[in-house]
Amino acid sequence: MIYGSCFKKEGLDWIYEIIKRNEKLNEKELVINTVYYMERYIGIYIDEKREIIKKDISIRKKVLTILDFLINKGSTISYMIRELL
């Protein structure tokens, strides 16, 4: 079980808002393992909601924004996930 997994529904909006409101976040170093936990969260979210992501443009935009952020942080996993989406 992933920590915070009870917040899956709210987590996408929460992470998206943090990324959008903090433009300089791409330049800052994150706390250890932040990228790892974000990768795990977004991977699980996409696995569970793949059909909804394909249909709902606003959710797709949020998922892609988070994946792009992770890619900018050097996440190879996020790059592969984005290519499959």
PDB file of N, CA and C in Angstrom:
ATOM      1  N   MET A   1       0.842  -1.180   0.000  1.00  0.00           N
ATOM      2  CA  MET A   1       0.000   0.000   0.000  1.00  0.00           C
ATOM      3  C   MET A   1       0.886   1.241   0.000  1.00  0.00           C
ATOM      4  N   ILE A   2       0.513   2.184  -0.801  1.00  0.00           N
ATOM      5  CA  ILE A   2       1.250   3.448  -0.898  1.00  0.00           C
ATOM      6  C   ILE A   2       0.717   4.415   0.143  1.00  0.00           C
ATOM      7  N   TYR A   3       1.611   5.141   0.792  1.00  0.00           N
ATOM      8  CA  TYR A   3       1.162   6.152   1.737  1.00  0.00           C
ATOM      9  C   TYR A   3       0.329   7.188   1.003  1.00  0.00           C
ATOM     10  N   GLY A   4      -0.762   7.584   1.581  1.00  0.00           N
ATOM     11  CA  GLY A   4      -1.628   8.586   0.962  1.00  0.00           C
ATOM     12  C   GLY A   4      -2.559   8.020  -0.085  1.00  0.00           C
ATOM     13  N   SER A   5      -2.610   6.696  -0.225  1.00  0.00           N
ATOM     14  CA  SER A   5      -3.444   6.106  -1.275  1.00  0.00           C
ATOM     15  C   SER A   5      -4.929   6.349  -1.047  1.00  0.00           C
ATOM     16  N   CYS A   6      -5.300   6.712   0.159  1.00  0.00           N
ATOM     17  CA  CYS A   6      -6.705   7.020   0.420  1.00  0.00           C
ATOM     18  C   CYS A   6      -7.098   8.361  -0.215  1.00  0.00           C
ATOM     19  N   PHE A   7      -6.119   9.120  -0.701  1.00  0.00           N
ATOM     20  CA  PHE A   7      -6.384  10.415  -1.319  1.00  0.00           C
ATOM     21  C   PHE A   7      -6.236  10.369  -2.833  1.00  0.00           C
ATOM     22  N   LYS A   8      -6.407   9.198  -3.439  1.00  0.00           N
ATOM     23  CA  LYS A   8      -6.215   9.061  -4.887  1.00  0.00           C
ATOM     24  C   LYS A   8      -7.072  10.045  -5.670  1.00  0.00           C
ATOM     25  N   LYS A   9      -8.322  10.168  -5.289  1.00  0.00           N
ATOM     26  CA  LYS A   9      -9.238  11.033  -6.028  1.00  0.00           C
ATOM     27  C   LYS A   9      -8.802  12.502  -5.938  1.00  0.00           C
ATOM     28  N   GLU A  10      -8.499  12.964  -4.751  1.00  0.00           N
ATOM     29  CA  GLU A  10      -8.117  14.355  -4.552  1.00  0.00           C
ATOM     30  C   GLU A  10      -6.664  14.611  -4.935  1.00  0.00           C
ATOM     31  N   GLY A  11      -5.870  13.564  -4.917  1.00  0.00           N
ATOM     32  CA  GLY A  11      -4.430  13.698  -5.144  1.00  0.00           C
ATOM     33  C   GLY A  11      -4.076  14.300  -6.484  1.00  0.00           C
ATOM     34  N   LEU A  12      -4.785  13.915  -7.529  1.00  0.00           N
ATOM     35  CA  LEU A  12      -4.489  14.434  -8.853  1.00  0.00           C
ATOM     36  C   LEU A  12      -4.664  15.949  -8.885  1.00  0.00           C
ATOM     37  N   ASP A  13      -5.796  16.427  -8.381  1.00  0.00           N
ATOM     38  CA  ASP A  13      -6.043  17.873  -8.349  1.00  0.00           C
ATOM     39  C   ASP A  13      -5.023  18.590  -7.469  1.00  0.00           C
ATOM     40  N   TRP A  14      -4.708  17.992  -6.352  1.00  0.00           N
ATOM     41  CA  TRP A  14      -3.783  18.584  -5.393  1.00  0.00           C
ATOM     42  C   TRP A  14      -2.389  18.738  -6.001  1.00  0.00           C
ATOM     43  N   ILE A  15      -1.876  17.681  -6.589  1.00  0.00           N
ATOM     44  CA  ILE A  15      -0.540  17.722  -7.199  1.00  0.00           C
ATOM     45  C   ILE A  15      -0.528  18.689  -8.382  1.00  0.00           C
ATOM     46  N   TYR A  16      -1.572  18.645  -9.197  1.00  0.00           N
ATOM     47  CA  TYR A  16      -1.668  19.545 -10.348  1.00  0.00           C
ATOM     48  C   TYR A  16      -1.623  21.013  -9.910  1.00  0.00           C
ATOM     49  N   GLU A  17      -2.390  21.344  -8.884  1.00  0.00           N
ATOM     50  CA  GLU A  17      -2.428  22.727  -8.390  1.00  0.00           C
ATOM     51  C   GLU A  17      -1.071  23.168  -7.847  1.00  0.00           C
ATOM     52  N   ILE A  18      -0.392  22.285  -7.143  1.00  0.00           N
ATOM     53  CA  ILE A  18       0.935  22.618  -6.610  1.00  0.00           C
ATOM     54  C   ILE A  18       1.886  22.935  -7.759  1.00  0.00           C
ATOM     55  N   ILE A  19       1.867  22.120  -8.788  1.00  0.00           N
ATOM     56  CA  ILE A  19       2.761  22.321  -9.930  1.00  0.00           C
ATOM     57  C   ILE A  19       2.410  23.607 -10.675  1.00  0.00           C
ATOM     58  N   LYS A  20       1.138  23.857 -10.909  1.00  0.00           N
ATOM     59  CA  LYS A  20       0.716  25.042 -11.658  1.00  0.00           C
ATOM     60  C   LYS A  20       0.956  26.339 -10.881  1.00  0.00           C
ATOM     61  N   ARG A  21       0.787  26.319  -9.574  1.00  0.00           N
ATOM     62  CA  ARG A  21       0.933  27.544  -8.773  1.00  0.00           C
ATOM     63  C   ARG A  21       2.383  27.886  -8.457  1.00  0.00           C
ATOM     64  N   ASN A  22       3.270  26.932  -8.566  1.00  0.00           N
ATOM     65  CA  ASN A  22       4.678  27.148  -8.238  1.00  0.00           C
ATOM     66  C   ASN A  22       5.527  26.999  -9.498  1.00  0.00           C
ATOM     67  N   GLU A  23       5.578  28.056 -10.279  1.00  0.00           N
ATOM     68  CA  GLU A  23       6.283  28.011 -11.558  1.00  0.00           C
ATOM     69  C   GLU A  23       7.769  27.706 -11.401  1.00  0.00           C
ATOM     70  N   LYS A  24       8.360  28.088 -10.305  1.00  0.00           N
ATOM     71  CA  LYS A  24       9.791  27.872 -10.098  1.00  0.00           C
ATOM     72  C   LYS A  24      10.097  26.494  -9.500  1.00  0.00           C
ATOM     73  N   LEU A  25       9.080  25.678  -9.339  1.00  0.00           N
ATOM     74  CA  LEU A  25       9.262  24.349  -8.759  1.00  0.00           C
ATOM     75  C   LEU A  25      10.165  23.477  -9.628  1.00  0.00           C
ATOM     76  N   ASN A  26      10.133  23.695 -10.931  1.00  0.00           N
ATOM     77  CA  ASN A  26      11.004  22.930 -11.840  1.00  0.00           C
ATOM     78  C   ASN A  26      12.476  23.182 -11.542  1.00  0.00           C
ATOM     79  N   GLU A  27      12.795  24.363 -11.056  1.00  0.00           N
ATOM     80  CA  GLU A  27      14.179  24.738 -10.789  1.00  0.00           C
ATOM     81  C   GLU A  27      14.666  24.264  -9.421  1.00  0.00           C
ATOM     82  N   LYS A  28      13.739  23.992  -8.520  1.00  0.00           N
ATOM     83  CA  LYS A  28      14.102  23.640  -7.151  1.00  0.00           C
ATOM     84  C   LYS A  28      14.362  22.147  -6.998  1.00  0.00           C
ATOM     85  N   GLU A  29      15.226  21.837  -6.051  1.00  0.00           N
ATOM     86  CA  GLU A  29      15.484  20.437  -5.717  1.00  0.00           C
ATOM     87  C   GLU A  29      14.382  19.964  -4.767  1.00  0.00           C
ATOM     88  N   LEU A  30      13.861  18.788  -5.034  1.00  0.00           N
ATOM     89  CA  LEU A  30      12.778  18.249  -4.217  1.00  0.00           C
ATOM     90  C   LEU A  30      13.332  17.409  -3.068  1.00  0.00           C
ATOM     91  N   VAL A  31      12.499  17.188  -2.081  1.00  0.00           N
ATOM     92  CA  VAL A  31      12.850  16.334  -0.955  1.00  0.00           C
ATOM     93  C   VAL A  31      13.113  14.924  -1.487  1.00  0.00           C
ATOM     94  N   ILE A  32      14.001  14.218  -0.840  1.00  0.00           N
ATOM     95  CA  ILE A  32      14.375  12.859  -1.256  1.00  0.00           C
ATOM     96  C   ILE A  32      13.129  11.991  -1.447  1.00  0.00           C
ATOM     97  N   ASN A  33      13.120  11.239  -2.542  1.00  0.00           N
ATOM     98  CA  ASN A  33      12.076  10.273  -2.904  1.00  0.00           C
ATOM     99  C   ASN A  33      10.758  10.899  -3.357  1.00  0.00           C
ATOM    100  N   THR A  34      10.678  12.221  -3.491  1.00  0.00           N
ATOM    101  CA  THR A  34       9.441  12.848  -3.941  1.00  0.00           C
ATOM    102  C   THR A  34       9.072  12.375  -5.339  1.00  0.00           C
ATOM    103  N   VAL A  35      10.037  12.369  -6.242  1.00  0.00           N
ATOM    104  CA  VAL A  35       9.775  11.933  -7.618  1.00  0.00           C
ATOM    105  C   VAL A  35       9.332  10.472  -7.627  1.00  0.00           C
ATOM    106  N   TYR A  36       9.986   9.651  -6.836  1.00  0.00           N
ATOM    107  CA  TYR A  36       9.633   8.227  -6.762  1.00  0.00           C
ATOM    108  C   TYR A  36       8.167   8.046  -6.342  1.00  0.00           C
ATOM    109  N   TYR A  37       7.755   8.727  -5.291  1.00  0.00           N
ATOM    110  CA  TYR A  37       6.377   8.576  -4.815  1.00  0.00           C
ATOM    111  C   TYR A  37       5.374   9.162  -5.801  1.00  0.00           C
ATOM    112  N   MET A  38       5.747  10.239  -6.461  1.00  0.00           N
ATOM    113  CA  MET A  38       4.860  10.808  -7.477  1.00  0.00           C
ATOM    114  C   MET A  38       4.727   9.856  -8.671  1.00  0.00           C
ATOM    115  N   GLU A  39       5.824   9.225  -9.066  1.00  0.00           N
ATOM    116  CA  GLU A  39       5.783   8.237 -10.146  1.00  0.00           C
ATOM    117  C   GLU A  39       4.856   7.084  -9.782  1.00  0.00           C
ATOM    118  N   ARG A  40       4.987   6.596  -8.585  1.00  0.00           N
ATOM    119  CA  ARG A  40       4.133   5.483  -8.138  1.00  0.00           C
ATOM    120  C   ARG A  40       2.665   5.900  -8.141  1.00  0.00           C
ATOM    121  N   TYR A  41       2.395   7.091  -7.588  1.00  0.00           N
ATOM    122  CA  TYR A  41       1.012   7.568  -7.517  1.00  0.00           C
ATOM    123  C   TYR A  41       0.410   7.693  -8.911  1.00  0.00           C
ATOM    124  N   ILE A  42       1.103   8.395  -9.804  1.00  0.00           N
ATOM    125  CA  ILE A  42       0.532   8.658 -11.123  1.00  0.00           C
ATOM    126  C   ILE A  42       0.418   7.367 -11.929  1.00  0.00           C
ATOM    127  N   GLY A  43       1.349   6.441 -11.742  1.00  0.00           N
ATOM    128  CA  GLY A  43       1.261   5.147 -12.420  1.00  0.00           C
ATOM    129  C   GLY A  43       0.032   4.371 -11.994  1.00  0.00           C
ATOM    130  N   ILE A  44      -0.210   4.315 -10.701  1.00  0.00           N
ATOM    131  CA  ILE A  44      -1.395   3.615 -10.175  1.00  0.00           C
ATOM    132  C   ILE A  44      -2.669   4.319 -10.629  1.00  0.00           C
ATOM    133  N   TYR A  45      -2.671   5.646 -10.567  1.00  0.00           N
ATOM    134  CA  TYR A  45      -3.839   6.422 -10.984  1.00  0.00           C
ATOM    135  C   TYR A  45      -4.179   6.131 -12.442  1.00  0.00           C
ATOM    136  N   ILE A  46      -3.171   6.141 -13.299  1.00  0.00           N
ATOM    137  CA  ILE A  46      -3.397   5.902 -14.729  1.00  0.00           C
ATOM    138  C   ILE A  46      -3.890   4.479 -14.969  1.00  0.00           C
ATOM    139  N   ASP A  47      -3.320   3.510 -14.270  1.00  0.00           N
ATOM    140  CA  ASP A  47      -3.782   2.122 -14.417  1.00  0.00           C
ATOM    141  C   ASP A  47      -5.252   1.972 -14.056  1.00  0.00           C
ATOM    142  N   GLU A  48      -5.669   2.654 -13.005  1.00  0.00           N
ATOM    143  CA  GLU A  48      -7.044   2.524 -12.535  1.00  0.00           C
ATOM    144  C   GLU A  48      -8.033   3.361 -13.340  1.00  0.00           C
ATOM    145  N   LYS A  49      -7.586   4.474 -13.907  1.00  0.00           N
ATOM    146  CA  LYS A  49      -8.503   5.430 -14.551  1.00  0.00           C
ATOM    147  C   LYS A  49      -8.221   5.637 -16.036  1.00  0.00           C
ATOM    148  N   ARG A  50      -7.580   4.684 -16.669  1.00  0.00           N
ATOM    149  CA  ARG A  50      -7.157   4.851 -18.069  1.00  0.00           C
ATOM    150  C   ARG A  50      -8.309   5.280 -18.984  1.00  0.00           C
ATOM    151  N   GLU A  51      -9.466   4.647 -18.872  1.00  0.00           N
ATOM    152  CA  GLU A  51     -10.603   4.973 -19.745  1.00  0.00           C
ATOM    153  C   GLU A  51     -11.128   6.382 -19.472  1.00  0.00           C
ATOM    154  N   ILE A  52     -11.174   6.771 -18.217  1.00  0.00           N
ATOM    155  CA  ILE A  52     -11.645   8.112 -17.860  1.00  0.00           C
ATOM    156  C   ILE A  52     -10.675   9.166 -18.386  1.00  0.00           C
ATOM    157  N   ILE A  53      -9.380   8.892 -18.288  1.00  0.00           N
ATOM    158  CA  ILE A  53      -8.360   9.830 -18.764  1.00  0.00           C
ATOM    159  C   ILE A  53      -8.500  10.043 -20.268  1.00  0.00           C
ATOM    160  N   LYS A  54      -8.831   8.998 -21.005  1.00  0.00           N
ATOM    161  CA  LYS A  54      -8.989   9.116 -22.455  1.00  0.00           C
ATOM    162  C   LYS A  54     -10.197   9.971 -22.822  1.00  0.00           C
ATOM    163  N   LYS A  55     -11.241   9.932 -22.000  1.00  0.00           N
ATOM    164  CA  LYS A  55     -12.492  10.626 -22.316  1.00  0.00           C
ATOM    165  C   LYS A  55     -12.561  12.046 -21.758  1.00  0.00           C
ATOM    166  N   ASP A  56     -12.005  12.268 -20.586  1.00  0.00           N
ATOM    167  CA  ASP A  56     -12.135  13.563 -19.911  1.00  0.00           C
ATOM    168  C   ASP A  56     -10.891  14.430 -20.171  1.00  0.00           C
ATOM    169  N   ILE A  57     -11.067  15.490 -20.938  1.00  0.00           N
ATOM    170  CA  ILE A  57      -9.948  16.348 -21.343  1.00  0.00           C
ATOM    171  C   ILE A  57      -9.290  17.028 -20.149  1.00  0.00           C
ATOM    172  N   SER A  58     -10.063  17.455 -19.161  1.00  0.00           N
ATOM    173  CA  SER A  58      -9.475  18.158 -18.010  1.00  0.00           C
ATOM    174  C   SER A  58      -8.605  17.228 -17.165  1.00  0.00           C
ATOM    175  N   ILE A  59      -9.043  15.996 -16.997  1.00  0.00           N
ATOM    176  CA  ILE A  59      -8.241  15.020 -16.247  1.00  0.00           C
ATOM    177  C   ILE A  59      -6.984  14.679 -17.042  1.00  0.00           C
ATOM    178  N   ARG A  60      -7.132  14.507 -18.340  1.00  0.00           N
ATOM    179  CA  ARG A  60      -5.972  14.213 -19.195  1.00  0.00           C
ATOM    180  C   ARG A  60      -4.935  15.334 -19.107  1.00  0.00           C
ATOM    181  N   LYS A  61      -5.397  16.572 -19.114  1.00  0.00           N
ATOM    182  CA  LYS A  61      -4.494  17.723 -19.005  1.00  0.00           C
ATOM    183  C   LYS A  61      -3.721  17.685 -17.685  1.00  0.00           C
ATOM    184  N   LYS A  62      -4.401  17.362 -16.613  1.00  0.00           N
ATOM    185  CA  LYS A  62      -3.757  17.293 -15.301  1.00  0.00           C
ATOM    186  C   LYS A  62      -2.717  16.181 -15.256  1.00  0.00           C
ATOM    187  N   VAL A  63      -3.076  15.018 -15.791  1.00  0.00           N
ATOM    188  CA  VAL A  63      -2.151  13.882 -15.809  1.00  0.00           C
ATOM    189  C   VAL A  63      -0.916  14.224 -16.633  1.00  0.00           C
ATOM    190  N   LEU A  64      -1.114  14.813 -17.801  1.00  0.00           N
ATOM    191  CA  LEU A  64       0.016  15.166 -18.659  1.00  0.00           C
ATOM    192  C   LEU A  64       0.895  16.248 -18.038  1.00  0.00           C
ATOM    193  N   THR A  65       0.292  17.186 -17.330  1.00  0.00           N
ATOM    194  CA  THR A  65       1.068  18.227 -16.641  1.00  0.00           C
ATOM    195  C   THR A  65       1.965  17.606 -15.576  1.00  0.00           C
ATOM    196  N   ILE A  66       1.418  16.678 -14.816  1.00  0.00           N
ATOM    197  CA  ILE A  66       2.203  16.003 -13.774  1.00  0.00           C
ATOM    198  C   ILE A  66       3.316  15.169 -14.410  1.00  0.00           C
ATOM    199  N   LEU A  67       2.992  14.438 -15.466  1.00  0.00           N
ATOM    200  CA  LEU A  67       4.012  13.635 -16.144  1.00  0.00           C
ATOM    201  C   LEU A  67       5.118  14.520 -16.722  1.00  0.00           C
ATOM    202  N   ASP A  68       4.747  15.646 -17.319  1.00  0.00           N
ATOM    203  CA  ASP A  68       5.744  16.571 -17.863  1.00  0.00           C
ATOM    204  C   ASP A  68       6.651  17.111 -16.763  1.00  0.00           C
ATOM    205  N   PHE A  69       6.070  17.426 -15.617  1.00  0.00           N
ATOM    206  CA  PHE A  69       6.862  17.890 -14.478  1.00  0.00           C
ATOM    207  C   PHE A  69       7.881  16.829 -14.063  1.00  0.00           C
ATOM    208  N   LEU A  70       7.421  15.596 -13.960  1.00  0.00           N
ATOM    209  CA  LEU A  70       8.310  14.506 -13.564  1.00  0.00           C
ATOM    210  C   LEU A  70       9.395  14.256 -14.609  1.00  0.00           C
ATOM    211  N   ILE A  71       9.042  14.387 -15.865  1.00  0.00           N
ATOM    212  CA  ILE A  71      10.032  14.228 -16.934  1.00  0.00           C
ATOM    213  C   ILE A  71      11.103  15.313 -16.808  1.00  0.00           C
ATOM    214  N   ASN A  72      10.683  16.540 -16.511  1.00  0.00           N
ATOM    215  CA  ASN A  72      11.647  17.631 -16.310  1.00  0.00           C
ATOM    216  C   ASN A  72      12.554  17.365 -15.116  1.00  0.00           C
ATOM    217  N   LYS A  73      12.098  16.550 -14.193  1.00  0.00           N
ATOM    218  CA  LYS A  73      12.906  16.183 -13.023  1.00  0.00           C
ATOM    219  C   LYS A  73      13.770  14.951 -13.304  1.00  0.00           C
ATOM    220  N   GLY A  74      13.720  14.441 -14.539  1.00  0.00           N
ATOM    221  CA  GLY A  74      14.579  13.334 -14.926  1.00  0.00           C
ATOM    222  C   GLY A  74      13.949  11.960 -14.833  1.00  0.00           C
ATOM    223  N   SER A  75      12.639  11.896 -14.769  1.00  0.00           N
ATOM    224  CA  SER A  75      11.954  10.614 -14.615  1.00  0.00           C
ATOM    225  C   SER A  75      11.785   9.896 -15.950  1.00  0.00           C
ATOM    226  N   THR A  76      12.508   8.811 -16.117  1.00  0.00           N
ATOM    227  CA  THR A  76      12.390   7.978 -17.309  1.00  0.00           C
ATOM    228  C   THR A  76      11.055   7.239 -17.314  1.00  0.00           C
ATOM    229  N   ILE A  77      10.635   6.800 -16.153  1.00  0.00           N
ATOM    230  CA  ILE A  77       9.360   6.072 -16.023  1.00  0.00           C
ATOM    231  C   ILE A  77       8.201   6.943 -16.500  1.00  0.00           C
ATOM    232  N   SER A  78       8.196   8.202 -16.103  1.00  0.00           N
ATOM    233  CA  SER A  78       7.122   9.113 -16.508  1.00  0.00           C
ATOM    234  C   SER A  78       7.127   9.329 -18.012  1.00  0.00           C
ATOM    235  N   TYR A  79       8.311   9.377 -18.598  1.00  0.00           N
ATOM    236  CA  TYR A  79       8.415   9.520 -20.051  1.00  0.00           C
ATOM    237  C   TYR A  79       7.767   8.321 -20.750  1.00  0.00           C
ATOM    238  N   MET A  80       8.076   7.130 -20.266  1.00  0.00           N
ATOM    239  CA  MET A  80       7.502   5.920 -20.870  1.00  0.00           C
ATOM    240  C   MET A  80       5.990   5.867 -20.682  1.00  0.00           C
ATOM    241  N   ILE A  81       5.525   6.254 -19.505  1.00  0.00           N
ATOM    242  CA  ILE A  81       4.076   6.262 -19.242  1.00  0.00           C
ATOM    243  C   ILE A  81       3.391   7.238 -20.188  1.00  0.00           C
ATOM    244  N   ARG A  82       3.969   8.426 -20.349  1.00  0.00           N
ATOM    245  CA  ARG A  82       3.373   9.438 -21.217  1.00  0.00           C
ATOM    246  C   ARG A  82       3.303   8.956 -22.660  1.00  0.00           C
ATOM    247  N   GLU A  83       4.316   8.264 -23.121  1.00  0.00           N
ATOM    248  CA  GLU A  83       4.318   7.754 -24.493  1.00  0.00           C
ATOM    249  C   GLU A  83       3.225   6.700 -24.702  1.00  0.00           C
ATOM    250  N   LEU A  84       2.890   5.960 -23.659  1.00  0.00           N
ATOM    251  CA  LEU A  84       1.854   4.927 -23.759  1.00  0.00           C
ATOM    252  C   LEU A  84       0.446   5.500 -23.636  1.00  0.00           C
ATOM    253  N   LEU A  85       0.340   6.691 -23.085  1.00  0.00           N
ATOM    254  CA  LEU A  85      -0.963   7.312 -22.832  1.00  0.00           C
ATOM    255  C   LEU A  85      -1.497   7.866 -24.084  1.00  0.00           C
TER     256      LEU A  85
END
